[in-house]
Full PDB file with SEQRES, HELIX, SHEET, SSBOND, CRYST1, ORIGX, SCALE, CONECT and MASTER records, all heavy atoms in Angstrom:
SEQRES   1 A   32  GLY VAL GLU SER ASP LYS LYS ARG ASP GLU TYR PHE ASN          
SEQRES   2 A   32  SER LEU GLY LEU VAL VAL LEU ARG TYR SER ASN GLU ASP          
SEQRES   3 A   32  ILE ASN ARG HIS PHE ASP                                      
HELIX    1 AA1 VAL A    2  SER A   14  1                                  13    
HELIX    2 AA2 ASN A   24  ARG A   29  1                                   6    
CRYST1    1.000    1.000    1.000  90.00  90.00  90.00 P 1           1          
ORIGX1      1.000000  0.000000  0.000000        0.00000                         
ORIGX2      0.000000  1.000000  0.000000        0.00000                         
ORIGX3      0.000000  0.000000  1.000000        0.00000                         
SCALE1      1.000000  0.000000  0.000000        0.00000                         
SCALE2      0.000000  1.000000  0.000000        0.00000                         
SCALE3      0.000000  0.000000  1.000000        0.00000                         
ATOM      1  N   GLY A   1      -5.913 -14.364 -16.250  1.00  0.00           N  
ATOM      2  CA  GLY A   1      -5.036 -15.107 -15.355  1.00  0.00           C  
ATOM      3  C   GLY A   1      -4.107 -14.209 -14.563  1.00  0.00           C  
ATOM      4  O   GLY A   1      -3.874 -14.422 -13.367  1.00  0.00           O  
ATOM      5  N   VAL A   2      -3.569 -13.185 -15.220  1.00  0.00           N  
ATOM      6  CA  VAL A   2      -2.675 -12.241 -14.542  1.00  0.00           C  
ATOM      7  C   VAL A   2      -3.417 -11.532 -13.417  1.00  0.00           C  
ATOM      8  O   VAL A   2      -2.901 -11.407 -12.295  1.00  0.00           O  
ATOM      9  CB  VAL A   2      -2.080 -11.230 -15.555  1.00  0.00           C  
ATOM     10  CG1 VAL A   2      -1.353 -10.103 -14.843  1.00  0.00           C  
ATOM     11  CG2 VAL A   2      -1.147 -11.933 -16.536  1.00  0.00           C  
ATOM     12  N   GLU A   3      -4.627 -11.076 -13.697  1.00  0.00           N  
ATOM     13  CA  GLU A   3      -5.422 -10.370 -12.689  1.00  0.00           C  
ATOM     14  C   GLU A   3      -5.793 -11.303 -11.532  1.00  0.00           C  
ATOM     15  O   GLU A   3      -5.716 -10.928 -10.363  1.00  0.00           O  
ATOM     16  CB  GLU A   3      -6.680  -9.776 -13.320  1.00  0.00           C  
ATOM     17  CG  GLU A   3      -7.467  -8.882 -12.394  1.00  0.00           C  
ATOM     18  CD  GLU A   3      -6.682  -7.688 -11.869  1.00  0.00           C  
ATOM     19  OE1 GLU A   3      -5.844  -7.133 -12.598  1.00  0.00           O  
ATOM     20  OE2 GLU A   3      -6.909  -7.321 -10.690  1.00  0.00           O  
ATOM     21  N   SER A   4      -6.182 -12.519 -11.851  1.00  0.00           N  
ATOM     22  CA  SER A   4      -6.530 -13.499 -10.825  1.00  0.00           C  
ATOM     23  C   SER A   4      -5.331 -13.821  -9.942  1.00  0.00           C  
ATOM     24  O   SER A   4      -5.444 -13.882  -8.711  1.00  0.00           O  
ATOM     25  CB  SER A   4      -7.056 -14.765 -11.495  1.00  0.00           C  
ATOM     26  OG  SER A   4      -7.322 -15.753 -10.539  1.00  0.00           O  
ATOM     27  N   ASP A   5      -4.162 -14.013 -10.559  1.00  0.00           N  
ATOM     28  CA  ASP A   5      -2.946 -14.308  -9.797  1.00  0.00           C  
ATOM     29  C   ASP A   5      -2.563 -13.134  -8.893  1.00  0.00           C  
ATOM     30  O   ASP A   5      -2.097 -13.339  -7.767  1.00  0.00           O  
ATOM     31  CB  ASP A   5      -1.784 -14.644 -10.731  1.00  0.00           C  
ATOM     32  CG  ASP A   5      -1.932 -16.006 -11.373  1.00  0.00           C  
ATOM     33  OD1 ASP A   5      -2.756 -16.816 -10.897  1.00  0.00           O  
ATOM     34  OD2 ASP A   5      -1.215 -16.271 -12.350  1.00  0.00           O  
ATOM     35  N   LYS A   6      -2.776 -11.926  -9.370  1.00  0.00           N  
ATOM     36  CA  LYS A   6      -2.468 -10.744  -8.557  1.00  0.00           C  
ATOM     37  C   LYS A   6      -3.322 -10.732  -7.287  1.00  0.00           C  
ATOM     38  O   LYS A   6      -2.820 -10.483  -6.187  1.00  0.00           O  
ATOM     39  CB  LYS A   6      -2.701  -9.472  -9.376  1.00  0.00           C  
ATOM     40  CG  LYS A   6      -2.363  -8.207  -8.652  1.00  0.00           C  
ATOM     41  CD  LYS A   6      -2.612  -6.983  -9.529  1.00  0.00           C  
ATOM     42  CE  LYS A   6      -2.354  -5.731  -8.716  1.00  0.00           C  
ATOM     43  NZ  LYS A   6      -2.809  -4.531  -9.392  1.00  0.00           N  
ATOM     44  N   LYS A   7      -4.630 -11.021  -7.431  1.00  0.00           N  
ATOM     45  CA  LYS A   7      -5.521 -11.071  -6.271  1.00  0.00           C  
ATOM     46  C   LYS A   7      -5.112 -12.179  -5.296  1.00  0.00           C  
ATOM     47  O   LYS A   7      -5.102 -11.977  -4.083  1.00  0.00           O  
ATOM     48  CB  LYS A   7      -6.970 -11.298  -6.726  1.00  0.00           C  
ATOM     49  CG  LYS A   7      -7.653 -10.076  -7.260  1.00  0.00           C  
ATOM     50  CD  LYS A   7      -9.072 -10.364  -7.710  1.00  0.00           C  
ATOM     51  CE  LYS A   7      -9.905 -10.925  -6.586  1.00  0.00           C  
ATOM     52  NZ  LYS A   7     -11.306 -11.172  -6.967  1.00  0.00           N  
ATOM     53  N   ARG A   8      -4.772 -13.354  -5.841  1.00  0.00           N  
ATOM     54  CA  ARG A   8      -4.331 -14.483  -5.002  1.00  0.00           C  
ATOM     55  C   ARG A   8      -3.083 -14.105  -4.221  1.00  0.00           C  
ATOM     56  O   ARG A   8      -3.003 -14.324  -3.014  1.00  0.00           O  
ATOM     57  CB  ARG A   8      -4.002 -15.705  -5.866  1.00  0.00           C  
ATOM     58  CG  ARG A   8      -5.154 -16.435  -6.444  1.00  0.00           C  
ATOM     59  CD  ARG A   8      -4.675 -17.450  -7.490  1.00  0.00           C  
ATOM     60  NE  ARG A   8      -3.716 -18.402  -6.970  1.00  0.00           N  
ATOM     61  CZ  ARG A   8      -4.020 -19.598  -6.473  1.00  0.00           C  
ATOM     62  NH1 ARG A   8      -5.265 -19.990  -6.449  1.00  0.00           N  
ATOM     63  NH2 ARG A   8      -3.077 -20.398  -6.025  1.00  0.00           N  
ATOM     64  N   ASP A   9      -2.106 -13.546  -4.937  1.00  0.00           N  
ATOM     65  CA  ASP A   9      -0.848 -13.178  -4.293  1.00  0.00           C  
ATOM     66  C   ASP A   9      -1.067 -12.135  -3.202  1.00  0.00           C  
ATOM     67  O   ASP A   9      -0.464 -12.211  -2.120  1.00  0.00           O  
ATOM     68  CB  ASP A   9       0.160 -12.668  -5.322  1.00  0.00           C  
ATOM     69  CG  ASP A   9       0.678 -13.767  -6.238  1.00  0.00           C  
ATOM     70  OD1 ASP A   9       0.324 -14.953  -6.033  1.00  0.00           O  
ATOM     71  OD2 ASP A   9       1.448 -13.436  -7.166  1.00  0.00           O  
ATOM     72  N   GLU A  10      -1.921 -11.153  -3.463  1.00  0.00           N  
ATOM     73  CA  GLU A  10      -2.214 -10.129  -2.457  1.00  0.00           C  
ATOM     74  C   GLU A  10      -2.847 -10.765  -1.225  1.00  0.00           C  
ATOM     75  O   GLU A  10      -2.514 -10.403  -0.094  1.00  0.00           O  
ATOM     76  CB  GLU A  10      -3.125  -9.052  -3.039  1.00  0.00           C  
ATOM     77  CG  GLU A  10      -2.416  -8.131  -4.017  1.00  0.00           C  
ATOM     78  CD  GLU A  10      -3.362  -7.184  -4.746  1.00  0.00           C  
ATOM     79  OE1 GLU A  10      -4.607  -7.282  -4.561  1.00  0.00           O  
ATOM     80  OE2 GLU A  10      -2.853  -6.352  -5.524  1.00  0.00           O  
ATOM     81  N   TYR A  11      -3.756 -11.708  -1.432  1.00  0.00           N  
ATOM     82  CA  TYR A  11      -4.386 -12.387  -0.299  1.00  0.00           C  
ATOM     83  C   TYR A  11      -3.341 -13.174   0.496  1.00  0.00           C  
ATOM     84  O   TYR A  11      -3.252 -13.045   1.721  1.00  0.00           O  
ATOM     85  CB  TYR A  11      -5.500 -13.324  -0.774  1.00  0.00           C  
ATOM     86  CG  TYR A  11      -6.073 -14.147   0.354  1.00  0.00           C  
ATOM     87  CD1 TYR A  11      -6.916 -13.568   1.297  1.00  0.00           C  
ATOM     88  CD2 TYR A  11      -5.728 -15.486   0.501  1.00  0.00           C  
ATOM     89  CE1 TYR A  11      -7.422 -14.310   2.361  1.00  0.00           C  
ATOM     90  CE2 TYR A  11      -6.235 -16.236   1.564  1.00  0.00           C  
ATOM     91  CZ  TYR A  11      -7.074 -15.642   2.480  1.00  0.00           C  
ATOM     92  OH  TYR A  11      -7.561 -16.376   3.529  1.00  0.00           O  
ATOM     93  N   PHE A  12      -2.541 -13.973  -0.192  1.00  0.00           N  
ATOM     94  CA  PHE A  12      -1.505 -14.752   0.496  1.00  0.00           C  
ATOM     95  C   PHE A  12      -0.527 -13.831   1.230  1.00  0.00           C  
ATOM     96  O   PHE A  12      -0.154 -14.095   2.377  1.00  0.00           O  
ATOM     97  CB  PHE A  12      -0.752 -15.651  -0.482  1.00  0.00           C  
ATOM     98  CG  PHE A  12      -1.565 -16.797  -1.037  1.00  0.00           C  
ATOM     99  CD1 PHE A  12      -1.359 -17.240  -2.335  1.00  0.00           C  
ATOM    100  CD2 PHE A  12      -2.525 -17.453  -0.282  1.00  0.00           C  
ATOM    101  CE1 PHE A  12      -2.087 -18.306  -2.864  1.00  0.00           C  
ATOM    102  CE2 PHE A  12      -3.267 -18.518  -0.791  1.00  0.00           C  
ATOM    103  CZ  PHE A  12      -3.045 -18.944  -2.081  1.00  0.00           C  
ATOM    104  N   ASN A  13      -0.127 -12.745   0.590  1.00  0.00           N  
ATOM    105  CA  ASN A  13       0.790 -11.794   1.227  1.00  0.00           C  
ATOM    106  C   ASN A  13       0.165 -11.171   2.473  1.00  0.00           C  
ATOM    107  O   ASN A  13       0.869 -10.939   3.467  1.00  0.00           O  
ATOM    108  CB  ASN A  13       1.201 -10.697   0.252  1.00  0.00           C  
ATOM    109  CG  ASN A  13       2.068 -11.186  -0.896  1.00  0.00           C  
ATOM    110  OD1 ASN A  13       2.122 -10.569  -1.949  1.00  0.00           O  
ATOM    111  ND2 ASN A  13       2.748 -12.310  -0.738  1.00  0.00           N  
ATOM    112  N   SER A  14      -1.151 -10.938   2.453  1.00  0.00           N  
ATOM    113  CA  SER A  14      -1.829 -10.353   3.618  1.00  0.00           C  
ATOM    114  C   SER A  14      -1.786 -11.301   4.818  1.00  0.00           C  
ATOM    115  O   SER A  14      -1.949 -10.867   5.961  1.00  0.00           O  
ATOM    116  CB  SER A  14      -3.280  -9.988   3.283  1.00  0.00           C  
ATOM    117  OG  SER A  14      -4.105 -11.144   3.239  1.00  0.00           O  
ATOM    118  N   LEU A  15      -1.568 -12.592   4.552  1.00  0.00           N  
ATOM    119  CA  LEU A  15      -1.441 -13.584   5.623  1.00  0.00           C  
ATOM    120  C   LEU A  15       0.015 -13.766   6.051  1.00  0.00           C  
ATOM    121  O   LEU A  15       0.318 -14.627   6.873  1.00  0.00           O  
ATOM    122  CB  LEU A  15      -2.004 -14.939   5.157  1.00  0.00           C  
ATOM    123  CG  LEU A  15      -3.484 -14.972   4.781  1.00  0.00           C  
ATOM    124  CD1 LEU A  15      -3.861 -16.346   4.244  1.00  0.00           C  
ATOM    125  CD2 LEU A  15      -4.352 -14.604   5.971  1.00  0.00           C  
ATOM    126  N   GLY A  16       0.914 -12.974   5.470  1.00  0.00           N  
ATOM    127  CA  GLY A  16       2.329 -13.078   5.803  1.00  0.00           C  
ATOM    128  C   GLY A  16       3.046 -14.166   5.026  1.00  0.00           C  
ATOM    129  O   GLY A  16       4.133 -14.590   5.419  1.00  0.00           O  
ATOM    130  N   LEU A  17       2.451 -14.622   3.924  1.00  0.00           N  
ATOM    131  CA  LEU A  17       3.045 -15.682   3.112  1.00  0.00           C  
ATOM    132  C   LEU A  17       3.771 -15.093   1.910  1.00  0.00           C  
ATOM    133  O   LEU A  17       3.336 -14.087   1.347  1.00  0.00           O  
ATOM    134  CB  LEU A  17       1.960 -16.648   2.626  1.00  0.00           C  
ATOM    135  CG  LEU A  17       1.102 -17.285   3.724  1.00  0.00           C  
ATOM    136  CD1 LEU A  17      -0.048 -18.071   3.108  1.00  0.00           C  
ATOM    137  CD2 LEU A  17       1.946 -18.168   4.616  1.00  0.00           C  
ATOM    138  N   VAL A  18       4.863 -15.724   1.534  1.00  0.00           N  
ATOM    139  CA  VAL A  18       5.619 -15.335   0.349  1.00  0.00           C  
ATOM    140  C   VAL A  18       5.243 -16.287  -0.777  1.00  0.00           C  
ATOM    141  O   VAL A  18       5.186 -17.504  -0.574  1.00  0.00           O  
ATOM    142  CB  VAL A  18       7.144 -15.407   0.621  1.00  0.00           C  
ATOM    143  CG1 VAL A  18       7.934 -15.167  -0.653  1.00  0.00           C  
ATOM    144  CG2 VAL A  18       7.535 -14.424   1.709  1.00  0.00           C  
ATOM    145  N   VAL A  19       4.983 -15.740  -1.955  1.00  0.00           N  
ATOM    146  CA  VAL A  19       4.594 -16.545  -3.105  1.00  0.00           C  
ATOM    147  C   VAL A  19       5.726 -16.540  -4.127  1.00  0.00           C  
ATOM    148  O   VAL A  19       6.175 -15.482  -4.551  1.00  0.00           O  
ATOM    149  CB  VAL A  19       3.305 -16.005  -3.768  1.00  0.00           C  
ATOM    150  CG1 VAL A  19       2.930 -16.856  -4.978  1.00  0.00           C  
ATOM    151  CG2 VAL A  19       2.167 -15.955  -2.761  1.00  0.00           C  
ATOM    152  N   LEU A  20       6.181 -17.736  -4.479  1.00  0.00           N  
ATOM    153  CA  LEU A  20       7.156 -17.892  -5.555  1.00  0.00           C  
ATOM    154  C   LEU A  20       6.417 -18.456  -6.757  1.00  0.00           C  
ATOM    155  O   LEU A  20       5.710 -19.456  -6.632  1.00  0.00           O  
ATOM    156  CB  LEU A  20       8.278 -18.856  -5.154  1.00  0.00           C  
ATOM    157  CG  LEU A  20       9.070 -18.530  -3.900  1.00  0.00           C  
ATOM    158  CD1 LEU A  20      10.136 -19.586  -3.672  1.00  0.00           C  
ATOM    159  CD2 LEU A  20       9.703 -17.158  -4.007  1.00  0.00           C  
ATOM    160  N   ARG A  21       6.589 -17.815  -7.910  1.00  0.00           N  
ATOM    161  CA  ARG A  21       5.930 -18.280  -9.129  1.00  0.00           C  
ATOM    162  C   ARG A  21       6.974 -18.695 -10.150  1.00  0.00           C  
ATOM    163  O   ARG A  21       7.927 -17.975 -10.396  1.00  0.00           O  
ATOM    164  CB  ARG A  21       5.064 -17.178  -9.740  1.00  0.00           C  
ATOM    165  CG  ARG A  21       3.843 -16.893  -8.933  1.00  0.00           C  
ATOM    166  CD  ARG A  21       2.877 -15.969  -9.677  1.00  0.00           C  
ATOM    167  NE  ARG A  21       1.622 -15.968  -8.956  1.00  0.00           N  
ATOM    168  CZ  ARG A  21       0.696 -16.889  -9.077  1.00  0.00           C  
ATOM    169  NH1 ARG A  21       0.846 -17.866  -9.941  1.00  0.00           N  
ATOM    170  NH2 ARG A  21      -0.403 -16.855  -8.363  1.00  0.00           N  
ATOM    171  N   TYR A  22       6.743 -19.868 -10.717  1.00  0.00           N  
ATOM    172  CA  TYR A  22       7.606 -20.386 -11.782  1.00  0.00           C  
ATOM    173  C   TYR A  22       6.715 -20.862 -12.913  1.00  0.00           C  
ATOM    174  O   TYR A  22       5.649 -21.431 -12.673  1.00  0.00           O  
ATOM    175  CB  TYR A  22       8.460 -21.558 -11.280  1.00  0.00           C  
ATOM    176  CG  TYR A  22       9.300 -21.209 -10.090  1.00  0.00           C  
ATOM    177  CD1 TYR A  22       8.897 -21.570  -8.812  1.00  0.00           C  
ATOM    178  CD2 TYR A  22      10.483 -20.507 -10.230  1.00  0.00           C  
ATOM    179  CE1 TYR A  22       9.653 -21.248  -7.703  1.00  0.00           C  
ATOM    180  CE2 TYR A  22      11.250 -20.171  -9.123  1.00  0.00           C  
ATOM    181  CZ  TYR A  22      10.832 -20.543  -7.862  1.00  0.00           C  
ATOM    182  OH  TYR A  22      11.579 -20.216  -6.765  1.00  0.00           O  
ATOM    183  N   SER A  23       7.161 -20.624 -14.126  1.00  0.00           N  
ATOM    184  CA  SER A  23       6.384 -21.099 -15.268  1.00  0.00           C  
ATOM    185  C   SER A  23       6.665 -22.587 -15.480  1.00  0.00           C  
ATOM    186  O   SER A  23       7.700 -23.106 -15.041  1.00  0.00           O  
ATOM    187  CB  SER A  23       6.756 -20.315 -16.526  1.00  0.00           C  
ATOM    188  OG  SER A  23       8.070 -20.639 -16.939  1.00  0.00           O  
ATOM    189  N   ASN A  24       5.757 -23.253 -16.165  1.00  0.00           N  
ATOM    190  CA  ASN A  24       6.005 -24.645 -16.540  1.00  0.00           C  
ATOM    191  C   ASN A  24       7.276 -24.742 -17.378  1.00  0.00           C  
ATOM    192  O   ASN A  24       8.027 -25.707 -17.270  1.00  0.00           O  
ATOM    193  CB  ASN A  24       4.812 -25.208 -17.303  1.00  0.00           C  
ATOM    194  CG  ASN A  24       3.639 -25.513 -16.391  1.00  0.00           C  
ATOM    195  OD1 ASN A  24       3.785 -25.603 -15.174  1.00  0.00           O  
ATOM    196  ND2 ASN A  24       2.476 -25.663 -16.974  1.00  0.00           N  
ATOM    197  N   GLU A  25       7.515 -23.728 -18.178  1.00  0.00           N  
ATOM    198  CA  GLU A  25       8.736 -23.675 -18.998  1.00  0.00           C  
ATOM    199  C   GLU A  25       9.985 -23.664 -18.105  1.00  0.00           C  
ATOM    200  O   GLU A  25      10.979 -24.315 -18.418  1.00  0.00           O  
ATOM    201  CB  GLU A  25       8.694 -22.433 -19.891  1.00  0.00           C  
ATOM    202  CG  GLU A  25       9.769 -22.375 -20.918  1.00  0.00           C  
ATOM    203  CD  GLU A  25       9.521 -23.304 -22.094  1.00  0.00           C  
ATOM    204  OE1 GLU A  25       8.403 -23.834 -22.224  1.00  0.00           O  
ATOM    205  OE2 GLU A  25      10.456 -23.495 -22.870  1.00  0.00           O  
ATOM    206  N   ASP A  26       9.935 -22.924 -16.993  1.00  0.00           N  
ATOM    207  CA  ASP A  26      11.057 -22.909 -16.047  1.00  0.00           C  
ATOM    208  C   ASP A  26      11.320 -24.317 -15.518  1.00  0.00           C  
ATOM    209  O   ASP A  26      12.469 -24.739 -15.414  1.00  0.00           O  
ATOM    210  CB  ASP A  26      10.764 -21.985 -14.857  1.00  0.00           C  
ATOM    211  CG  ASP A  26      10.758 -20.522 -15.216  1.00  0.00           C  
ATOM    212  OD1 ASP A  26      11.431 -20.130 -16.194  1.00  0.00           O  
ATOM    213  OD2 ASP A  26      10.065 -19.750 -14.506  1.00  0.00           O  
ATOM    214  N   ILE A  27      10.262 -25.022 -15.166  1.00  0.00           N  
ATOM    215  CA  ILE A  27      10.409 -26.382 -14.636  1.00  0.00           C  
ATOM    216  C   ILE A  27      11.002 -27.294 -15.702  1.00  0.00           C  
ATOM    217  O   ILE A  27      11.898 -28.095 -15.421  1.00  0.00           O  
ATOM    218  CB  ILE A  27       9.046 -26.932 -14.152  1.00  0.00           C  
ATOM    219  CG1 ILE A  27       8.497 -26.090 -12.997  1.00  0.00           C  
ATOM    220  CG2 ILE A  27       9.162 -28.405 -13.747  1.00  0.00           C  
ATOM    221  CD1 ILE A  27       9.346 -26.087 -11.742  1.00  0.00           C  
ATOM    222  N   ASN A  28      10.528 -27.168 -16.925  1.00  0.00           N  
ATOM    223  CA  ASN A  28      10.978 -28.052 -18.004  1.00  0.00           C  
ATOM    224  C   ASN A  28      12.392 -27.754 -18.492  1.00  0.00           C  
ATOM    225  O   ASN A  28      13.125 -28.670 -18.864  1.00  0.00           O  
ATOM    226  CB  ASN A  28      10.005 -27.981 -19.183  1.00  0.00           C  
ATOM    227  CG  ASN A  28       8.671 -28.613 -18.856  1.00  0.00           C  
ATOM    228  OD1 ASN A  28       8.603 -29.602 -18.139  1.00  0.00           O  
ATOM    229  ND2 ASN A  28       7.603 -28.033 -19.360  1.00  0.00           N  
ATOM    230  N   ARG A  29      12.793 -26.494 -18.476  1.00  0.00           N  
ATOM    231  CA  ARG A  29      14.088 -26.124 -19.072  1.00  0.00           C  
ATOM    232  C   ARG A  29      15.160 -25.721 -18.065  1.00  0.00           C  
ATOM    233  O   ARG A  29      16.343 -25.779 -18.390  1.00  0.00           O  
ATOM    234  CB  ARG A  29      13.894 -24.997 -20.074  1.00  0.00           C  
ATOM    235  CG  ARG A  29      13.124 -25.430 -21.285  1.00  0.00           C  
ATOM    236  CD  ARG A  29      13.041 -24.310 -22.278  1.00  0.00           C  
ATOM    237  NE  ARG A  29      12.292 -24.749 -23.433  1.00  0.00           N  
ATOM    238  CZ  ARG A  29      12.695 -24.562 -24.673  1.00  0.00           C  
ATOM    239  NH1 ARG A  29      13.823 -23.951 -24.909  1.00  0.00           N  
ATOM    240  NH2 ARG A  29      11.949 -24.978 -25.673  1.00  0.00           N  
ATOM    241  N   HIS A  30      14.720 -25.263 -16.884  1.00  0.00           N  
ATOM    242  CA  HIS A  30      15.681 -24.734 -15.909  1.00  0.00           C  
ATOM    243  C   HIS A  30      15.417 -25.302 -14.517  1.00  0.00           C  
ATOM    244  O   HIS A  30      15.437 -24.577 -13.523  1.00  0.00           O  
ATOM    245  CB  HIS A  30      15.605 -23.207 -15.868  1.00  0.00           C  
ATOM    246  CG  HIS A  30      15.693 -22.563 -17.210  1.00  0.00           C  
ATOM    247  ND1 HIS A  30      16.854 -22.506 -17.929  1.00  0.00           N  
ATOM    248  CD2 HIS A  30      14.739 -21.975 -17.978  1.00  0.00           C  
ATOM    249  CE1 HIS A  30      16.630 -21.893 -19.084  1.00  0.00           C  
ATOM    250  NE2 HIS A  30      15.351 -21.564 -19.141  1.00  0.00           N  
ATOM    251  N   PHE A  31      15.162 -26.598 -14.452  1.00  0.00           N  
ATOM    252  CA  PHE A  31      14.755 -27.231 -13.198  1.00  0.00           C  
ATOM    253  C   PHE A  31      15.765 -26.997 -12.076  1.00  0.00           C  
ATOM    254  O   PHE A  31      15.386 -26.635 -10.964  1.00  0.00           O  
ATOM    255  CB  PHE A  31      14.533 -28.733 -13.420  1.00  0.00           C  
ATOM    256  CG  PHE A  31      13.977 -29.433 -12.209  1.00  0.00           C  
ATOM    257  CD1 PHE A  31      12.664 -29.234 -11.821  1.00  0.00           C  
ATOM    258  CD2 PHE A  31      14.763 -30.302 -11.468  1.00  0.00           C  
ATOM    259  CE1 PHE A  31      12.142 -29.876 -10.707  1.00  0.00           C  
ATOM    260  CE2 PHE A  31      14.257 -30.947 -10.357  1.00  0.00           C  
ATOM    261  CZ  PHE A  31      12.938 -30.734  -9.978  1.00  0.00           C  
ATOM    262  N   ASP A  32      17.044 -27.182 -12.361  1.00  0.00           N  
ATOM    263  CA  ASP A  32      18.065 -27.000 -11.315  1.00  0.00           C  
ATOM    264  C   ASP A  32      18.070 -25.573 -10.782  1.00  0.00           C  
ATOM    265  O   ASP A  32      18.223 -25.360  -9.567  1.00  0.00           O  
ATOM    266  CB  ASP A  32      19.451 -27.372 -11.845  1.00  0.00           C  
ATOM    267  CG  ASP A  32      19.595 -28.866 -12.091  1.00  0.00           C  
ATOM    268  OD1 ASP A  32      18.807 -29.655 -11.525  1.00  0.00           O  
ATOM    269  OD2 ASP A  32      20.503 -29.260 -12.855  1.00  0.00           O  
TER     270      ASP A  32                                                      
MASTER        0    0    0    2    0    0    0    6  269    1    0    3          
END                                                                             
């Protein structure tokens, strides 16, 4: 998963896009 996400992020970044990643735990415990 880490390797796959790295490739995805590199592709999105090559298009000039910024990728924000949050864990499900972040959503559940630190939503605000």
